[in-house]
Amino acid sequence: MSKQFKPIAVGKNETAEKEFTTNLERKFRLSNEFFEYIQRFIKVEDRNVLKNENPYSYFTDRFTAKFEGQFPPQLSVRKMFDLLEVDSAKIDFLSSQMSSIKIEIDYNTGLPEHEPDFNYYTSSEEQNKIYTHLQKVADSLHSSEQFGIKVYPSNICQAYSGWMQFDFNSNKLIPNVSRILGMERTTY
């Protein structure tokens, strides 16, 4: 009976995660501004009506439905906007900016519908073994400091030929995920 391979999360794509969070917050901020502005003209009960619609067409459809009896039938929507002092450029800008961010969100809460996994995973049993071995080495080197043993990270990194690296954020040695996963760039 062979052992089933189980990938290990060995790192996180922090740049992509930060970009996702920034875009999510921006889309929610834009949607709040959009809804705050259009509430002057139409009433919106549930903000999630925008999930499958273009925000600009949503507003235009609801606006014309609300005010169609108050204007002559031959009057264009743009003219109606002008007469009621609707800033259509603002609505168009907010709408296009919201649509350009390709993240599905709950417009009521600002939470994403699906949050992607930003972890890097091992793809073979050999990578699992290397990672767990290097993690054990890093942990034992880190714990040796409690006994007064001074470890020089640069010497360890050199001794392990780049398989270990120093993480300046946590101030300790860690396995070099790029090398383990074969994602290192080579320069010739």
C-alpha atoms as a PDB file:
ATOM      1  CA  MET A   1       0.000   0.000   0.000  1.00  0.00           C
ATOM      2  CA  SER A   2       1.619   3.238  -1.150  1.00  0.00           C
ATOM      3  CA  LYS A   3       1.383   6.432   0.811  1.00  0.00           C
ATOM      4  CA  GLN A   4      -0.879   9.098  -0.732  1.00  0.00           C
ATOM      5  CA  PHE A   5       0.981  12.301  -1.706  1.00  0.00           C
ATOM      6  CA  LYS A   6      -0.231  15.328   0.231  1.00  0.00           C
ATOM      7  CA  PRO A   7       1.097  18.754  -0.819  1.00  0.00           C
ATOM      8  CA  ILE A   8       2.535  21.001   1.871  1.00  0.00           C
ATOM      9  CA  ALA A   9       1.983  24.774   1.900  1.00  0.00           C
ATOM     10  CA  VAL A  10       5.547  26.097   1.895  1.00  0.00           C
ATOM     11  CA  GLY A  11       5.031  29.794   1.272  1.00  0.00           C
ATOM     12  CA  LYS A  12       2.629  32.524   0.339  1.00  0.00           C
ATOM     13  CA  ASN A  13       2.465  34.848  -2.657  1.00  0.00           C
ATOM     14  CA  GLU A  14       2.260  37.990  -0.544  1.00  0.00           C
ATOM     15  CA  THR A  15       2.398  40.330  -3.542  1.00  0.00           C
ATOM     16  CA  ALA A  16      -0.664  38.761  -5.168  1.00  0.00           C
ATOM     17  CA  GLU A  17      -2.475  38.668  -1.829  1.00  0.00           C
ATOM     18  CA  LYS A  18      -1.763  42.347  -1.226  1.00  0.00           C
ATOM     19  CA  GLU A  19      -2.909  43.246  -4.751  1.00  0.00           C
ATOM     20  CA  PHE A  20      -6.114  41.241  -4.260  1.00  0.00           C
ATOM     21  CA  THR A  21      -6.836  42.967  -0.941  1.00  0.00           C
ATOM     22  CA  THR A  22      -6.146  46.399  -2.422  1.00  0.00           C
ATOM     23  CA  ASN A  23      -8.444  45.747  -5.398  1.00  0.00           C
ATOM     24  CA  LEU A  24     -11.152  44.335  -3.138  1.00  0.00           C
ATOM     25  CA  GLU A  25     -11.073  47.389  -0.874  1.00  0.00           C
ATOM     26  CA  ARG A  26     -11.018  49.718  -3.897  1.00  0.00           C
ATOM     27  CA  LYS A  27     -14.026  48.038  -5.511  1.00  0.00           C
ATOM     28  CA  PHE A  28     -16.007  48.228  -2.274  1.00  0.00           C
ATOM     29  CA  ARG A  29     -15.062  51.888  -1.799  1.00  0.00           C
ATOM     30  CA  LEU A  30     -16.107  52.688  -5.379  1.00  0.00           C
ATOM     31  CA  SER A  31     -19.386  50.810  -4.946  1.00  0.00           C
ATOM     32  CA  ASN A  32     -20.144  52.711  -1.742  1.00  0.00           C
ATOM     33  CA  GLU A  33     -19.546  55.991  -3.548  1.00  0.00           C
ATOM     34  CA  PHE A  34     -21.689  54.817  -6.477  1.00  0.00           C
ATOM     35  CA  PHE A  35     -24.612  53.790  -4.263  1.00  0.00           C
ATOM     36  CA  GLU A  36     -24.347  56.918  -2.140  1.00  0.00           C
ATOM     37  CA  TYR A  37     -24.643  59.067  -5.264  1.00  0.00           C
ATOM     38  CA  ILE A  38     -27.450  57.192  -7.013  1.00  0.00           C
ATOM     39  CA  GLN A  39     -29.547  57.071  -3.813  1.00  0.00           C
ATOM     40  CA  ARG A  40     -30.315  60.742  -4.533  1.00  0.00           C
ATOM     41  CA  PHE A  41     -32.339  59.673  -7.566  1.00  0.00           C
ATOM     42  CA  ILE A  42     -33.443  56.060  -7.081  1.00  0.00           C
ATOM     43  CA  LYS A  43     -33.917  53.809  -4.073  1.00  0.00           C
ATOM     44  CA  VAL A  44     -31.774  50.682  -3.825  1.00  0.00           C
ATOM     45  CA  GLU A  45     -32.878  48.023  -1.341  1.00  0.00           C
ATOM     46  CA  ASP A  46     -30.239  45.357  -1.939  1.00  0.00           C
ATOM     47  CA  ARG A  47     -26.875  46.372  -3.330  1.00  0.00           C
ATOM     48  CA  ASN A  48     -26.197  42.868  -4.627  1.00  0.00           C
ATOM     49  CA  VAL A  49     -28.444  43.549  -7.623  1.00  0.00           C
ATOM     50  CA  LEU A  50     -25.235  44.718  -9.330  1.00  0.00           C
ATOM     51  CA  LYS A  51     -23.632  41.262  -9.266  1.00  0.00           C
ATOM     52  CA  ASN A  52     -24.759  40.368 -12.776  1.00  0.00           C
ATOM     53  CA  GLU A  53     -25.359  43.853 -14.165  1.00  0.00           C
ATOM     54  CA  ASN A  54     -23.385  46.792 -15.428  1.00  0.00           C
ATOM     55  CA  PRO A  55     -23.773  49.523 -12.778  1.00  0.00           C
ATOM     56  CA  TYR A  56     -24.320  52.267 -15.375  1.00  0.00           C
ATOM     57  CA  SER A  57     -27.109  50.401 -17.192  1.00  0.00           C
ATOM     58  CA  TYR A  58     -28.659  49.427 -13.861  1.00  0.00           C
ATOM     59  CA  PHE A  59     -28.891  53.085 -12.879  1.00  0.00           C
ATOM     60  CA  THR A  60     -30.109  54.201 -16.318  1.00  0.00           C
ATOM     61  CA  ASP A  61     -32.860  51.543 -16.415  1.00  0.00           C
ATOM     62  CA  ARG A  62     -34.125  52.336 -12.889  1.00  0.00           C
ATOM     63  CA  PHE A  63     -33.856  56.082 -13.485  1.00  0.00           C
ATOM     64  CA  THR A  64     -35.894  56.028 -16.704  1.00  0.00           C
ATOM     65  CA  ALA A  65     -38.472  53.704 -15.107  1.00  0.00           C
ATOM     66  CA  LYS A  66     -38.919  56.119 -12.212  1.00  0.00           C
ATOM     67  CA  PHE A  67     -39.046  59.372 -14.194  1.00  0.00           C
ATOM     68  CA  GLU A  68     -40.525  58.325 -17.548  1.00  0.00           C
ATOM     69  CA  GLY A  69     -43.977  59.773 -16.790  1.00  0.00           C
ATOM     70  CA  GLN A  70     -42.562  63.147 -15.790  1.00  0.00           C
ATOM     71  CA  PHE A  71     -40.962  63.932 -19.161  1.00  0.00           C
ATOM     72  CA  PRO A  72     -42.164  63.903 -22.779  1.00  0.00           C
ATOM     73  CA  PRO A  73     -41.603  60.472 -24.405  1.00  0.00           C
ATOM     74  CA  GLN A  74     -39.241  61.809 -27.099  1.00  0.00           C
ATOM     75  CA  LEU A  75     -36.797  63.206 -24.484  1.00  0.00           C
ATOM     76  CA  SER A  76     -33.510  61.286 -24.335  1.00  0.00           C
ATOM     77  CA  VAL A  77     -32.058  59.863 -21.144  1.00  0.00           C
ATOM     78  CA  ARG A  78     -29.117  62.264 -21.400  1.00  0.00           C
ATOM     79  CA  LYS A  79     -31.539  65.218 -21.486  1.00  0.00           C
ATOM     80  CA  MET A  80     -33.348  63.823 -18.435  1.00  0.00           C
ATOM     81  CA  PHE A  81     -29.982  63.583 -16.677  1.00  0.00           C
ATOM     82  CA  ASP A  82     -29.261  67.219 -17.563  1.00  0.00           C
ATOM     83  CA  LEU A  83     -32.653  68.456 -16.368  1.00  0.00           C
ATOM     84  CA  LEU A  84     -32.372  66.651 -13.028  1.00  0.00           C
ATOM     85  CA  GLU A  85     -28.670  67.574 -12.695  1.00  0.00           C
ATOM     86  CA  VAL A  86     -27.398  64.008 -12.687  1.00  0.00           C
ATOM     87  CA  ASP A  87     -23.620  63.840 -12.998  1.00  0.00           C
ATOM     88  CA  SER A  88     -23.547  61.121 -15.650  1.00  0.00           C
ATOM     89  CA  ALA A  89     -19.759  61.418 -16.025  1.00  0.00           C
ATOM     90  CA  LYS A  90     -19.344  60.508 -12.342  1.00  0.00           C
ATOM     91  CA  ILE A  91     -21.706  57.553 -12.663  1.00  0.00           C
ATOM     92  CA  ASP A  92     -19.953  56.405 -15.837  1.00  0.00           C
ATOM     93  CA  PHE A  93     -16.516  56.726 -14.209  1.00  0.00           C
ATOM     94  CA  LEU A  94     -17.512  54.845 -11.044  1.00  0.00           C
ATOM     95  CA  SER A  95     -19.275  52.187 -13.109  1.00  0.00           C
ATOM     96  CA  SER A  96     -16.320  51.585 -15.424  1.00  0.00           C
ATOM     97  CA  GLN A  97     -13.856  51.504 -12.525  1.00  0.00           C
ATOM     98  CA  MET A  98     -15.985  48.980 -10.632  1.00  0.00           C
ATOM     99  CA  SER A  99     -16.383  46.805 -13.725  1.00  0.00           C
ATOM    100  CA  SER A 100     -12.646  46.878 -14.443  1.00  0.00           C
ATOM    101  CA  ILE A 101     -11.865  45.148 -11.134  1.00  0.00           C
ATOM    102  CA  LYS A 102     -12.501  41.465 -11.819  1.00  0.00           C
ATOM    103  CA  ILE A 103     -13.353  40.405  -8.271  1.00  0.00           C
ATOM    104  CA  GLU A 104     -16.846  39.247  -7.368  1.00  0.00           C
ATOM    105  CA  ILE A 105     -17.876  40.824  -4.073  1.00  0.00           C
ATOM    106  CA  ASP A 106     -20.870  41.038  -1.806  1.00  0.00           C
ATOM    107  CA  TYR A 107     -21.780  44.708  -2.246  1.00  0.00           C
ATOM    108  CA  ASN A 108     -23.513  44.802   1.139  1.00  0.00           C
ATOM    109  CA  THR A 109     -20.541  43.617   3.203  1.00  0.00           C
ATOM    110  CA  GLY A 110     -17.515  44.163   0.957  1.00  0.00           C
ATOM    111  CA  LEU A 111     -16.385  40.554   1.342  1.00  0.00           C
ATOM    112  CA  PRO A 112     -15.207  38.573  -1.679  1.00  0.00           C
ATOM    113  CA  GLU A 113     -17.420  35.815  -3.086  1.00  0.00           C
ATOM    114  CA  HIS A 114     -14.386  33.541  -3.490  1.00  0.00           C
ATOM    115  CA  GLU A 115     -11.003  34.238  -1.955  1.00  0.00           C
ATOM    116  CA  PRO A 116      -8.169  32.682  -3.938  1.00  0.00           C
ATOM    117  CA  ASP A 117      -5.504  30.536  -2.320  1.00  0.00           C
ATOM    118  CA  PHE A 118      -2.216  32.441  -2.347  1.00  0.00           C
ATOM    119  CA  ASN A 119      -0.094  29.589  -0.972  1.00  0.00           C
ATOM    120  CA  TYR A 120       2.727  27.848  -2.787  1.00  0.00           C
ATOM    121  CA  TYR A 121       2.552  24.065  -2.496  1.00  0.00           C
ATOM    122  CA  THR A 122       4.986  21.244  -3.012  1.00  0.00           C
ATOM    123  CA  SER A 123       4.295  19.096  -6.053  1.00  0.00           C
ATOM    124  CA  SER A 124       6.101  15.858  -5.192  1.00  0.00           C
ATOM    125  CA  GLU A 125       7.002  13.628  -2.275  1.00  0.00           C
ATOM    126  CA  GLU A 126      10.676  14.517  -2.799  1.00  0.00           C
ATOM    127  CA  GLN A 127       9.887  18.232  -2.327  1.00  0.00           C
ATOM    128  CA  ASN A 128       7.970  17.350   0.843  1.00  0.00           C
ATOM    129  CA  LYS A 129      10.972  15.481   2.224  1.00  0.00           C
ATOM    130  CA  ILE A 130      13.427  18.270   1.390  1.00  0.00           C
ATOM    131  CA  TYR A 131      11.165  20.925   2.880  1.00  0.00           C
ATOM    132  CA  THR A 132      10.507  19.028   6.124  1.00  0.00           C
ATOM    133  CA  HIS A 133      14.227  18.256   6.502  1.00  0.00           C
ATOM    134  CA  LEU A 134      15.233  21.887   5.966  1.00  0.00           C
ATOM    135  CA  GLN A 135      12.478  23.076   8.313  1.00  0.00           C
ATOM    136  CA  LYS A 136      13.763  20.731  11.034  1.00  0.00           C
ATOM    137  CA  VAL A 137      17.298  22.080  10.517  1.00  0.00           C
ATOM    138  CA  ALA A 138      16.052  25.682  10.721  1.00  0.00           C
ATOM    139  CA  ASP A 139      14.034  24.945  13.862  1.00  0.00           C
ATOM    140  CA  SER A 140      16.932  23.221  15.621  1.00  0.00           C
ATOM    141  CA  LEU A 141      19.343  26.043  14.688  1.00  0.00           C
ATOM    142  CA  HIS A 142      16.841  28.566  16.001  1.00  0.00           C
ATOM    143  CA  SER A 143      16.356  26.618  19.248  1.00  0.00           C
ATOM    144  CA  SER A 144      20.130  26.320  19.818  1.00  0.00           C
ATOM    145  CA  GLU A 145      20.225  30.039  20.612  1.00  0.00           C
ATOM    146  CA  GLN A 146      18.463  29.330  23.918  1.00  0.00           C
ATOM    147  CA  PHE A 147      21.586  27.376  24.974  1.00  0.00           C
ATOM    148  CA  GLY A 148      23.845  30.293  24.153  1.00  0.00           C
ATOM    149  CA  ILE A 149      25.072  28.835  20.864  1.00  0.00           C
ATOM    150  CA  LYS A 150      25.539  31.666  18.376  1.00  0.00           C
ATOM    151  CA  VAL A 151      24.602  30.713  14.829  1.00  0.00           C
ATOM    152  CA  TYR A 152      25.718  32.881  11.936  1.00  0.00           C
ATOM    153  CA  PRO A 153      23.015  32.718   9.259  1.00  0.00           C
ATOM    154  CA  SER A 154      25.328  33.633   6.386  1.00  0.00           C
ATOM    155  CA  ASN A 155      27.560  30.653   7.177  1.00  0.00           C
ATOM    156  CA  ILE A 156      24.569  28.295   7.300  1.00  0.00           C
ATOM    157  CA  CYS A 157      23.190  29.650   4.005  1.00  0.00           C
ATOM    158  CA  GLN A 158      26.605  29.128   2.427  1.00  0.00           C
ATOM    159  CA  ALA A 159      26.981  25.658   3.930  1.00  0.00           C
ATOM    160  CA  TYR A 160      23.603  24.590   2.560  1.00  0.00           C
ATOM    161  CA  SER A 161      24.445  25.970  -0.910  1.00  0.00           C
ATOM    162  CA  GLY A 162      21.407  28.238  -1.017  1.00  0.00           C
ATOM    163  CA  TRP A 163      18.884  25.676   0.225  1.00  0.00           C
ATOM    164  CA  MET A 164      18.459  27.812   3.359  1.00  0.00           C
ATOM    165  CA  GLN A 165      17.881  31.550   3.461  1.00  0.00           C
ATOM    166  CA  PHE A 166      17.593  34.236   6.104  1.00  0.00           C
ATOM    167  CA  ASP A 167      14.167  35.841   6.567  1.00  0.00           C
ATOM    168  CA  PHE A 168      14.674  39.423   7.709  1.00  0.00           C
ATOM    169  CA  ASN A 169      11.007  39.798   8.722  1.00  0.00           C
ATOM    170  CA  SER A 170      11.091  36.962  11.248  1.00  0.00           C
ATOM    171  CA  ASN A 171      14.843  37.263  11.882  1.00  0.00           C
ATOM    172  CA  LYS A 172      15.555  33.556  11.445  1.00  0.00           C
ATOM    173  CA  LEU A 173      16.662  30.935   8.948  1.00  0.00           C
ATOM    174  CA  ILE A 174      14.043  29.332   6.732  1.00  0.00           C
ATOM    175  CA  PRO A 175      14.059  26.848   3.844  1.00  0.00           C
ATOM    176  CA  ASN A 176      14.543  28.467   0.423  1.00  0.00           C
ATOM    177  CA  VAL A 177      11.124  27.786  -1.108  1.00  0.00           C
ATOM    178  CA  SER A 178      12.196  28.956  -4.566  1.00  0.00           C
ATOM    179  CA  ARG A 179      14.916  26.340  -4.707  1.00  0.00           C
ATOM    180  CA  ILE A 180      12.738  23.576  -3.260  1.00  0.00           C
ATOM    181  CA  LEU A 181       9.982  24.197  -5.839  1.00  0.00           C
ATOM    182  CA  GLY A 182      12.454  24.707  -8.697  1.00  0.00           C
ATOM    183  CA  MET A 183      11.371  28.317  -9.244  1.00  0.00           C
ATOM    184  CA  GLU A 184      14.811  29.877  -8.889  1.00  0.00           C
ATOM    185  CA  ARG A 185      16.014  32.102 -11.658  1.00  0.00           C
ATOM    186  CA  THR A 186      19.331  31.167 -13.095  1.00  0.00           C
ATOM    187  CA  THR A 187      21.671  33.796 -14.486  1.00  0.00           C
ATOM    188  CA  TYR A 188      24.429  32.917 -16.882  1.00  0.00           C
END
